[in-house]
PDB file of N, CA and C in Angstrom:
ATOM      1  N   MET A   1     157.917 175.583 134.447  1.00  0.00           N
ATOM      2  CA  MET A   1     157.933 174.524 135.116  1.00  0.00           C
ATOM      3  C   MET A   1     159.018 173.731 134.831  1.00  0.00           C
ATOM      4  N   ASP A   2     159.570 172.946 136.229  1.00  0.00           N
ATOM      5  CA  ASP A   2     160.329 172.164 135.989  1.00  0.00           C
ATOM      6  C   ASP A   2     160.021 170.697 135.669  1.00  0.00           C
ATOM      7  N   LYS A   3     160.999 169.914 135.591  1.00  0.00           N
ATOM      8  CA  LYS A   3     160.829 168.513 135.044  1.00  0.00           C
ATOM      9  C   LYS A   3     159.586 167.918 136.028  1.00  0.00           C
ATOM     10  N   LYS A   4     159.824 167.834 137.132  1.00  0.00           N
ATOM     11  CA  LYS A   4     159.034 167.063 137.902  1.00  0.00           C
ATOM     12  C   LYS A   4     157.406 167.606 138.057  1.00  0.00           C
ATOM     13  N   VAL A   5     157.335 169.142 138.150  1.00  0.00           N
ATOM     14  CA  VAL A   5     155.923 169.328 137.937  1.00  0.00           C
ATOM     15  C   VAL A   5     155.086 169.334 136.520  1.00  0.00           C
ATOM     16  N   THR A   6     156.099 169.471 135.384  1.00  0.00           N
ATOM     17  CA  THR A   6     155.731 169.225 134.302  1.00  0.00           C
ATOM     18  C   THR A   6     155.310 167.689 134.114  1.00  0.00           C
ATOM     19  N   GLY A   7     155.900 166.825 134.500  1.00  0.00           N
ATOM     20  CA  GLY A   7     155.554 165.307 134.694  1.00  0.00           C
ATOM     21  C   GLY A   7     154.211 165.216 135.454  1.00  0.00           C
ATOM     22  N   ILE A   8     154.183 165.713 136.397  1.00  0.00           N
ATOM     23  CA  ILE A   8     152.957 165.576 137.234  1.00  0.00           C
ATOM     24  C   ILE A   8     151.791 166.018 136.597  1.00  0.00           C
ATOM     25  N   VAL A   9     151.758 167.083 136.192  1.00  0.00           N
ATOM     26  CA  VAL A   9     150.719 167.803 135.674  1.00  0.00           C
ATOM     27  C   VAL A   9     150.291 167.314 134.113  1.00  0.00           C
ATOM     28  N   ALA A  10     150.965 166.572 133.560  1.00  0.00           N
ATOM     29  CA  ALA A  10     150.957 165.929 132.240  1.00  0.00           C
ATOM     30  C   ALA A  10     149.909 164.789 132.408  1.00  0.00           C
ATOM     31  N   TYR A  11     149.764 164.200 133.843  1.00  0.00           N
ATOM     32  CA  TYR A  11     148.950 163.210 133.890  1.00  0.00           C
ATOM     33  C   TYR A  11     147.637 163.749 134.033  1.00  0.00           C
ATOM     34  N   ILE A  12     147.397 165.002 134.571  1.00  0.00           N
ATOM     35  CA  ILE A  12     146.004 165.542 135.047  1.00  0.00           C
ATOM     36  C   ILE A  12     145.234 165.958 134.030  1.00  0.00           C
ATOM     37  N   THR A  13     144.165 165.139 133.254  1.00  0.00           N
ATOM     38  CA  THR A  13     143.447 165.241 132.325  1.00  0.00           C
ATOM     39  C   THR A  13     144.283 165.637 131.096  1.00  0.00           C
ATOM     40  N   TRP A  14     143.308 165.650 129.944  1.00  0.00           N
ATOM     41  CA  TRP A  14     144.204 166.165 128.654  1.00  0.00           C
ATOM     42  C   TRP A  14     144.346 167.962 128.801  1.00  0.00           C
ATOM     43  N   ILE A  15     143.692 168.726 129.500  1.00  0.00           N
ATOM     44  CA  ILE A  15     144.025 170.239 129.716  1.00  0.00           C
ATOM     45  C   ILE A  15     145.222 170.230 130.471  1.00  0.00           C
ATOM     46  N   GLY A  16     145.578 169.319 131.607  1.00  0.00           N
ATOM     47  CA  GLY A  16     146.925 169.517 132.193  1.00  0.00           C
ATOM     48  C   GLY A  16     147.919 169.031 131.388  1.00  0.00           C
ATOM     49  N   TRP A  17     147.615 167.964 130.560  1.00  0.00           N
ATOM     50  CA  TRP A  17     148.676 167.670 129.378  1.00  0.00           C
ATOM     51  C   TRP A  17     149.100 168.736 128.549  1.00  0.00           C
ATOM     52  N   LEU A  18     147.842 169.591 128.160  1.00  0.00           N
ATOM     53  CA  LEU A  18     148.106 170.406 127.142  1.00  0.00           C
ATOM     54  C   LEU A  18     148.970 171.798 127.795  1.00  0.00           C
ATOM     55  N   VAL A  19     148.623 172.255 129.085  1.00  0.00           N
ATOM     56  CA  VAL A  19     149.156 173.091 129.804  1.00  0.00           C
ATOM     57  C   VAL A  19     151.029 172.528 129.788  1.00  0.00           C
ATOM     58  N   ALA A  20     151.004 171.266 130.390  1.00  0.00           N
ATOM     59  CA  ALA A  20     152.382 170.965 130.671  1.00  0.00           C
ATOM     60  C   ALA A  20     153.286 170.908 129.180  1.00  0.00           C
ATOM     61  N   PHE A  21     152.428 170.520 128.148  1.00  0.00           N
ATOM     62  CA  PHE A  21     153.298 170.392 127.049  1.00  0.00           C
ATOM     63  C   PHE A  21     153.549 171.854 126.394  1.00  0.00           C
ATOM     64  N   LEU A  22     152.756 172.559 126.734  1.00  0.00           N
ATOM     65  CA  LEU A  22     153.158 174.393 126.195  1.00  0.00           C
ATOM     66  C   LEU A  22     153.886 175.012 126.894  1.00  0.00           C
ATOM     67  N   ALA A  23     153.602 174.743 128.527  1.00  0.00           N
ATOM     68  CA  ALA A  23     154.492 175.611 129.214  1.00  0.00           C
ATOM     69  C   ALA A  23     155.617 174.915 130.286  1.00  0.00           C
ATOM     70  N   GLY A  24     155.715 173.847 129.915  1.00  0.00           N
ATOM     71  CA  GLY A  24     157.017 172.831 130.906  1.00  0.00           C
ATOM     72  C   GLY A  24     157.978 172.503 130.069  1.00  0.00           C
ATOM     73  N   ASP A  25     159.068 171.769 130.912  1.00  0.00           N
ATOM     74  CA  ASP A  25     160.178 171.414 130.285  1.00  0.00           C
ATOM     75  C   ASP A  25     159.843 169.925 129.571  1.00  0.00           C
ATOM     76  N   LYS A  26     160.013 170.236 128.394  1.00  0.00           N
ATOM     77  CA  LYS A  26     159.528 169.238 127.172  1.00  0.00           C
ATOM     78  C   LYS A  26     160.354 168.367 127.213  1.00  0.00           C
ATOM     79  N   GLU A  27     161.585 168.512 127.209  1.00  0.00           N
ATOM     80  CA  GLU A  27     162.728 167.401 127.011  1.00  0.00           C
ATOM     81  C   GLU A  27     162.931 166.744 128.386  1.00  0.00           C
ATOM     82  N   GLY A  28     162.865 167.372 129.673  1.00  0.00           N
ATOM     83  CA  GLY A  28     163.084 166.609 130.951  1.00  0.00           C
ATOM     84  C   GLY A  28     162.003 165.508 131.339  1.00  0.00           C
ATOM     85  N   ALA A  29     160.735 166.063 130.703  1.00  0.00           N
ATOM     86  CA  ALA A  29     159.483 165.073 131.039  1.00  0.00           C
ATOM     87  C   ALA A  29     158.921 164.362 129.958  1.00  0.00           C
ATOM     88  N   LYS A  30     159.695 164.119 128.781  1.00  0.00           N
ATOM     89  CA  LYS A  30     159.387 163.455 127.519  1.00  0.00           C
ATOM     90  C   LYS A  30     158.603 162.216 127.971  1.00  0.00           C
ATOM     91  N   VAL A  31     159.127 161.522 128.550  1.00  0.00           N
ATOM     92  CA  VAL A  31     158.439 160.150 129.142  1.00  0.00           C
ATOM     93  C   VAL A  31     157.169 160.568 129.584  1.00  0.00           C
ATOM     94  N   HIS A  32     157.031 161.407 130.840  1.00  0.00           N
ATOM     95  CA  HIS A  32     155.672 161.565 131.138  1.00  0.00           C
ATOM     96  C   HIS A  32     154.624 162.407 130.328  1.00  0.00           C
ATOM     97  N   LEU A  33     155.266 163.262 129.176  1.00  0.00           N
ATOM     98  CA  LEU A  33     154.360 164.039 128.352  1.00  0.00           C
ATOM     99  C   LEU A  33     153.617 163.009 127.270  1.00  0.00           C
ATOM    100  N   ASN A  34     154.607 161.834 126.907  1.00  0.00           N
ATOM    101  CA  ASN A  34     153.919 160.954 126.199  1.00  0.00           C
ATOM    102  C   ASN A  34     153.092 159.842 127.002  1.00  0.00           C
ATOM    103  N   GLN A  35     153.116 159.558 127.963  1.00  0.00           N
ATOM    104  CA  GLN A  35     152.456 158.597 128.569  1.00  0.00           C
ATOM    105  C   GLN A  35     150.908 159.136 129.049  1.00  0.00           C
ATOM    106  N   GLY A  36     151.275 160.561 129.346  1.00  0.00           N
ATOM    107  CA  GLY A  36     149.978 161.123 129.753  1.00  0.00           C
ATOM    108  C   GLY A  36     149.064 161.396 128.466  1.00  0.00           C
ATOM    109  N   LEU A  37     149.910 161.588 127.315  1.00  0.00           N
ATOM    110  CA  LEU A  37     149.162 161.781 125.918  1.00  0.00           C
ATOM    111  C   LEU A  37     148.476 160.547 125.773  1.00  0.00           C
ATOM    112  N   VAL A  38     149.250 159.341 126.003  1.00  0.00           N
ATOM    113  CA  VAL A  38     148.439 157.921 125.661  1.00  0.00           C
ATOM    114  C   VAL A  38     147.181 157.782 126.344  1.00  0.00           C
ATOM    115  N   LEU A  39     147.307 158.166 127.948  1.00  0.00           N
ATOM    116  CA  LEU A  39     146.343 158.080 129.027  1.00  0.00           C
ATOM    117  C   LEU A  39     145.279 158.845 128.254  1.00  0.00           C
ATOM    118  N   ALA A  40     145.503 159.832 127.924  1.00  0.00           N
ATOM    119  CA  ALA A  40     144.376 160.991 127.590  1.00  0.00           C
ATOM    120  C   ALA A  40     143.601 160.479 126.527  1.00  0.00           C
ATOM    121  N   ILE A  41     144.060 159.973 125.337  1.00  0.00           N
ATOM    122  CA  ILE A  41     143.879 159.547 124.383  1.00  0.00           C
ATOM    123  C   ILE A  41     142.892 158.138 124.720  1.00  0.00           C
ATOM    124  N   LEU A  42     143.313 157.472 125.395  1.00  0.00           N
ATOM    125  CA  LEU A  42     142.644 156.145 126.023  1.00  0.00           C
ATOM    126  C   LEU A  42     141.261 156.780 126.313  1.00  0.00           C
ATOM    127  N   SER A  43     141.246 157.648 127.438  1.00  0.00           N
ATOM    128  CA  SER A  43     140.256 158.063 128.389  1.00  0.00           C
ATOM    129  C   SER A  43     139.074 158.684 127.348  1.00  0.00           C
ATOM    130  N   VAL A  44     139.550 159.595 126.421  1.00  0.00           N
ATOM    131  CA  VAL A  44     138.642 160.266 125.453  1.00  0.00           C
ATOM    132  C   VAL A  44     138.002 159.307 124.465  1.00  0.00           C
ATOM    133  N   GLY A  45     138.600 158.331 124.071  1.00  0.00           N
ATOM    134  CA  GLY A  45     138.560 157.297 123.076  1.00  0.00           C
ATOM    135  C   GLY A  45     137.473 156.408 123.802  1.00  0.00           C
ATOM    136  N   SER A  46     137.253 155.774 124.984  1.00  0.00           N
ATOM    137  CA  SER A  46     136.603 155.126 125.820  1.00  0.00           C
ATOM    138  C   SER A  46     135.225 155.891 125.864  1.00  0.00           C
ATOM    139  N   TRP A  47     135.445 157.174 126.053  1.00  0.00           N
ATOM    140  CA  TRP A  47     134.415 158.153 126.423  1.00  0.00           C
ATOM    141  C   TRP A  47     133.361 158.356 125.021  1.00  0.00           C
ATOM    142  N   LEU A  48     134.158 158.259 123.928  1.00  0.00           N
ATOM    143  CA  LEU A  48     133.383 158.355 122.569  1.00  0.00           C
ATOM    144  C   LEU A  48     132.913 157.274 122.188  1.00  0.00           C
ATOM    145  N   VAL A  49     133.523 156.035 122.510  1.00  0.00           N
ATOM    146  CA  VAL A  49     132.945 154.716 122.330  1.00  0.00           C
ATOM    147  C   VAL A  49     131.651 154.638 122.943  1.00  0.00           C
ATOM    148  N   LYS A  50     131.476 154.807 124.466  1.00  0.00           N
ATOM    149  CA  LYS A  50     130.510 154.721 124.816  1.00  0.00           C
ATOM    150  C   LYS A  50     129.280 155.536 124.623  1.00  0.00           C
ATOM    151  N   LEU A  51     129.723 156.765 124.225  1.00  0.00           N
ATOM    152  CA  LEU A  51     128.734 157.841 123.703  1.00  0.00           C
ATOM    153  C   LEU A  51     128.079 157.326 122.428  1.00  0.00           C
ATOM    154  N   ILE A  52     128.794 156.781 121.395  1.00  0.00           N
ATOM    155  CA  ILE A  52     128.368 156.423 120.074  1.00  0.00           C
ATOM    156  C   ILE A  52     127.586 155.144 120.239  1.00  0.00           C
ATOM    157  N   LEU A  53     128.024 154.196 120.972  1.00  0.00           N
ATOM    158  CA  LEU A  53     127.642 152.660 120.859  1.00  0.00           C
ATOM    159  C   LEU A  53     126.748 152.240 122.048  1.00  0.00           C
ATOM    160  N   GLY A  54     126.720 153.422 123.247  1.00  0.00           N
ATOM    161  CA  GLY A  54     126.157 152.762 124.576  1.00  0.00           C
ATOM    162  C   GLY A  54     124.424 152.812 124.456  1.00  0.00           C
ATOM    163  N   GLY A  55     124.081 153.320 123.409  1.00  0.00           N
ATOM    164  CA  GLY A  55     122.458 153.135 123.200  1.00  0.00           C
ATOM    165  C   GLY A  55     121.860 151.817 122.678  1.00  0.00           C
ATOM    166  N   ILE A  56     122.807 151.076 122.275  1.00  0.00           N
ATOM    167  CA  ILE A  56     122.433 149.904 121.760  1.00  0.00           C
ATOM    168  C   ILE A  56     122.094 148.919 122.682  1.00  0.00           C
ATOM    169  N   PRO A  57     120.680 148.349 122.797  1.00  0.00           N
ATOM    170  CA  PRO A  57     120.506 147.565 124.004  1.00  0.00           C
ATOM    171  C   PRO A  57     121.223 146.528 124.287  1.00  0.00           C
ATOM    172  N   ILE A  58     121.814 145.337 124.177  1.00  0.00           N
ATOM    173  CA  ILE A  58     122.803 144.580 124.567  1.00  0.00           C
ATOM    174  C   ILE A  58     124.117 145.000 124.594  1.00  0.00           C
ATOM    175  N   ILE A  59     124.429 145.525 123.325  1.00  0.00           N
ATOM    176  CA  ILE A  59     125.916 145.770 122.850  1.00  0.00           C
ATOM    177  C   ILE A  59     126.329 146.843 123.740  1.00  0.00           C
ATOM    178  N   GLY A  60     125.263 148.019 124.260  1.00  0.00           N
ATOM    179  CA  GLY A  60     125.710 149.233 124.736  1.00  0.00           C
ATOM    180  C   GLY A  60     125.984 148.789 126.130  1.00  0.00           C
ATOM    181  N   PHE A  61     125.107 147.707 127.019  1.00  0.00           N
ATOM    182  CA  PHE A  61     125.677 147.415 127.888  1.00  0.00           C
ATOM    183  C   PHE A  61     127.084 146.957 128.395  1.00  0.00           C
ATOM    184  N   LEU A  62     127.324 145.739 127.181  1.00  0.00           N
ATOM    185  CA  LEU A  62     128.704 145.261 127.030  1.00  0.00           C
ATOM    186  C   LEU A  62     129.743 146.369 126.960  1.00  0.00           C
ATOM    187  N   ILE A  63     129.562 147.070 126.108  1.00  0.00           N
ATOM    188  CA  ILE A  63     130.481 148.378 125.741  1.00  0.00           C
ATOM    189  C   ILE A  63     130.576 149.019 127.176  1.00  0.00           C
ATOM    190  N   GLY A  64     129.515 149.353 127.897  1.00  0.00           N
ATOM    191  CA  GLY A  64     129.710 150.399 129.077  1.00  0.00           C
ATOM    192  C   GLY A  64     130.427 149.542 129.932  1.00  0.00           C
ATOM    193  N   ILE A  65     130.636 148.310 130.107  1.00  0.00           N
ATOM    194  CA  ILE A  65     131.256 147.449 131.472  1.00  0.00           C
ATOM    195  C   ILE A  65     132.863 147.569 130.579  1.00  0.00           C
ATOM    196  N   ILE A  66     132.891 147.184 129.539  1.00  0.00           N
ATOM    197  CA  ILE A  66     134.525 147.526 128.973  1.00  0.00           C
ATOM    198  C   ILE A  66     134.900 148.775 129.263  1.00  0.00           C
ATOM    199  N   CYS A  67     134.192 149.868 129.012  1.00  0.00           N
ATOM    200  CA  CYS A  67     134.680 151.197 129.113  1.00  0.00           C
ATOM    201  C   CYS A  67     134.845 151.475 130.563  1.00  0.00           C
ATOM    202  N   ALA A  68     133.921 151.020 131.402  1.00  0.00           N
ATOM    203  CA  ALA A  68     134.422 151.232 132.886  1.00  0.00           C
ATOM    204  C   ALA A  68     135.642 150.460 133.297  1.00  0.00           C
ATOM    205  N   ILE A  69     135.891 149.344 132.539  1.00  0.00           N
ATOM    206  CA  ILE A  69     137.269 148.711 132.851  1.00  0.00           C
ATOM    207  C   ILE A  69     138.494 149.446 132.313  1.00  0.00           C
ATOM    208  N   VAL A  70     138.249 150.146 131.377  1.00  0.00           N
ATOM    209  CA  VAL A  70     139.300 150.670 130.550  1.00  0.00           C
ATOM    210  C   VAL A  70     139.659 152.023 131.548  1.00  0.00           C
ATOM    211  N   ASN A  71     138.593 152.753 132.093  1.00  0.00           N
ATOM    212  CA  ASN A  71     138.637 153.747 132.699  1.00  0.00           C
ATOM    213  C   ASN A  71     139.223 153.567 134.021  1.00  0.00           C
ATOM    214  N   LEU A  72     138.862 152.474 134.736  1.00  0.00           N
ATOM    215  CA  LEU A  72     139.769 151.889 135.861  1.00  0.00           C
ATOM    216  C   LEU A  72     141.120 151.868 135.738  1.00  0.00           C
ATOM    217  N   PHE A  73     141.552 151.203 134.580  1.00  0.00           N
ATOM    218  CA  PHE A  73     143.035 151.237 134.026  1.00  0.00           C
ATOM    219  C   PHE A  73     143.642 152.398 134.060  1.00  0.00           C
ATOM    220  N   VAL A  74     143.041 153.250 133.411  1.00  0.00           N
ATOM    221  CA  VAL A  74     143.452 154.489 133.203  1.00  0.00           C
ATOM    222  C   VAL A  74     144.045 155.389 134.483  1.00  0.00           C
ATOM    223  N   PHE A  75     142.820 155.098 135.111  1.00  0.00           N
ATOM    224  CA  PHE A  75     142.978 155.721 136.738  1.00  0.00           C
ATOM    225  C   PHE A  75     144.227 155.226 137.225  1.00  0.00           C
ATOM    226  N   VAL A  76     144.150 153.927 137.394  1.00  0.00           N
ATOM    227  CA  VAL A  76     145.241 153.300 138.088  1.00  0.00           C
ATOM    228  C   VAL A  76     146.894 153.804 137.387  1.00  0.00           C
ATOM    229  N   MET A  77     146.861 153.769 136.001  1.00  0.00           N
ATOM    230  CA  MET A  77     147.958 154.161 135.524  1.00  0.00           C
ATOM    231  C   MET A  77     148.092 155.821 135.981  1.00  0.00           C
ATOM    232  N   VAL A  78     147.151 156.657 135.849  1.00  0.00           N
ATOM    233  CA  VAL A  78     147.344 157.963 135.984  1.00  0.00           C
ATOM    234  C   VAL A  78     148.249 158.088 137.581  1.00  0.00           C
ATOM    235  N   ILE A  79     147.781 157.150 138.546  1.00  0.00           N
ATOM    236  CA  ILE A  79     148.314 157.478 139.905  1.00  0.00           C
ATOM    237  C   ILE A  79     149.733 156.789 139.843  1.00  0.00           C
ATOM    238  N   ILE A  80     149.979 155.733 138.959  1.00  0.00           N
ATOM    239  CA  ILE A  80     151.235 155.248 139.169  1.00  0.00           C
ATOM    240  C   ILE A  80     152.243 156.297 138.369  1.00  0.00           C
ATOM    241  N   GLY A  81     151.767 156.968 137.362  1.00  0.00           N
ATOM    242  CA  GLY A  81     152.417 157.864 136.617  1.00  0.00           C
ATOM    243  C   GLY A  81     152.749 159.174 137.306  1.00  0.00           C
ATOM    244  N   ILE A  82     151.761 159.629 138.043  1.00  0.00           N
ATOM    245  CA  ILE A  82     151.998 160.741 139.118  1.00  0.00           C
ATOM    246  C   ILE A  82     152.871 160.456 140.091  1.00  0.00           C
ATOM    247  N   ILE A  83     153.025 159.048 140.487  1.00  0.00           N
ATOM    248  CA  ILE A  83     154.089 158.904 141.541  1.00  0.00           C
ATOM    249  C   ILE A  83     155.318 158.646 140.887  1.00  0.00           C
ATOM    250  N   TYR A  84     155.494 158.076 139.712  1.00  0.00           N
ATOM    251  CA  TYR A  84     156.623 158.147 139.023  1.00  0.00           C
ATOM    252  C   TYR A  84     157.383 159.409 138.753  1.00  0.00           C
ATOM    253  N   ALA A  85     156.549 160.400 138.321  1.00  0.00           N
ATOM    254  CA  ALA A  85     156.927 161.872 138.166  1.00  0.00           C
ATOM    255  C   ALA A  85     157.473 162.420 139.490  1.00  0.00           C
ATOM    256  N   ALA A  86     156.789 162.167 140.646  1.00  0.00           N
ATOM    257  CA  ALA A  86     157.003 162.956 141.736  1.00  0.00           C
ATOM    258  C   ALA A  86     158.217 162.506 142.526  1.00  0.00           C
ATOM    259  N   THR A  87     158.540 161.420 141.915  1.00  0.00           N
ATOM    260  CA  THR A  87     160.046 160.662 142.563  1.00  0.00           C
ATOM    261  C   THR A  87     160.955 160.700 141.511  1.00  0.00           C
ATOM    262  N   ASP A  88     160.712 161.402 140.428  1.00  0.00           N
ATOM    263  CA  ASP A  88     161.818 161.777 139.259  1.00  0.00           C
ATOM    264  C   ASP A  88     162.216 160.391 138.547  1.00  0.00           C
ATOM    265  N   LYS A  89     161.471 159.468 138.579  1.00  0.00           N
ATOM    266  CA  LYS A  89     161.432 158.322 137.880  1.00  0.00           C
ATOM    267  C   LYS A  89     161.140 158.318 136.302  1.00  0.00           C
ATOM    268  N   ASP A  90     161.822 157.960 135.214  1.00  0.00           N
ATOM    269  CA  ASP A  90     161.497 157.947 134.107  1.00  0.00           C
ATOM    270  C   ASP A  90     161.183 156.494 133.579  1.00  0.00           C
ATOM    271  N   ALA A  91     160.296 155.931 134.446  1.00  0.00           N
ATOM    272  CA  ALA A  91     160.310 154.691 134.018  1.00  0.00           C
ATOM    273  C   ALA A  91     158.717 154.644 133.149  1.00  0.00           C
ATOM    274  N   GLU A  92     158.805 153.786 132.172  1.00  0.00           N
ATOM    275  CA  GLU A  92     157.805 153.276 131.520  1.00  0.00           C
ATOM    276  C   GLU A  92     156.570 152.583 132.654  1.00  0.00           C
ATOM    277  N   LEU A  93     155.355 153.044 132.163  1.00  0.00           N
ATOM    278  CA  LEU A  93     153.995 152.525 132.810  1.00  0.00           C
ATOM    279  C   LEU A  93     153.785 151.148 132.057  1.00  0.00           C
ATOM    280  N   PRO A  94     153.151 150.091 132.769  1.00  0.00           N
ATOM    281  CA  PRO A  94     152.759 148.929 132.427  1.00  0.00           C
ATOM    282  C   PRO A  94     151.951 149.241 131.082  1.00  0.00           C
ATOM    283  N   LEU A  95     152.074 148.271 129.898  1.00  0.00           N
ATOM    284  CA  LEU A  95     151.395 148.202 128.855  1.00  0.00           C
ATOM    285  C   LEU A  95     151.187 149.469 127.901  1.00  0.00           C
ATOM    286  N   VAL A  96     150.951 150.578 128.469  1.00  0.00           N
ATOM    287  CA  VAL A  96     150.836 151.975 127.786  1.00  0.00           C
ATOM    288  C   VAL A  96     152.455 152.745 127.345  1.00  0.00           C
ATOM    289  N   GLY A  97     153.303 152.199 128.645  1.00  0.00           N
ATOM    290  CA  GLY A  97     154.695 152.979 128.095  1.00  0.00           C
ATOM    291  C   GLY A  97     155.412 152.492 126.878  1.00  0.00           C
ATOM    292  N   ALA A  98     155.124 151.392 126.336  1.00  0.00           N
ATOM    293  CA  ALA A  98     155.858 151.087 125.221  1.00  0.00           C
ATOM    294  C   ALA A  98     155.317 151.826 124.012  1.00  0.00           C
ATOM    295  N   ILE A  99     154.122 152.916 123.874  1.00  0.00           N
ATOM    296  CA  ILE A  99     153.370 153.180 123.040  1.00  0.00           C
ATOM    297  C   ILE A  99     154.088 154.700 122.793  1.00  0.00           C
ATOM    298  N   LYS A 100     154.800 154.867 121.466  1.00  0.00           N
ATOM    299  CA  LYS A 100     155.188 156.166 121.546  1.00  0.00           C
ATOM    300  C   LYS A 100     154.640 157.121 120.487  1.00  0.00           C
ATOM    301  N   ILE A 101     153.993 158.340 120.978  1.00  0.00           N
ATOM    302  CA  ILE A 101     153.445 159.172 119.977  1.00  0.00           C
ATOM    303  C   ILE A 101     154.327 160.283 119.966  1.00  0.00           C
ATOM    304  N   LEU A 102     155.012 160.887 120.943  1.00  0.00           N
ATOM    305  CA  LEU A 102     155.916 162.057 120.781  1.00  0.00           C
ATOM    306  C   LEU A 102     157.341 161.650 120.637  1.00  0.00           C
ATOM    307  N   LYS A 103     158.056 161.982 119.828  1.00  0.00           N
ATOM    308  CA  LYS A 103     159.381 161.631 119.422  1.00  0.00           C
ATOM    309  C   LYS A 103     160.185 162.435 120.410  1.00  0.00           C
TER     310      LYS A 103
END
């Protein structure tokens, strides 16, 4: 996969990120791979927190609201990231772009 396709696929769930990481242009799409990984971790982490703490009566309701806000944020960042990757911009996403997991 070339840089553009790798960048787009990196944002499509954690499975897409894994495919992009294993079969794509790692050096060309490093920014998008990193940001896609951060968003995937946020999404899975939000799901786990809701799964674990969601059954507690009042706290579970508040956790559910917070997780919904986090998932909405992740969704918006995925859309922006796909647009950046499709237009060949290596710009960082707001708030999550500064987090570096991949070197």
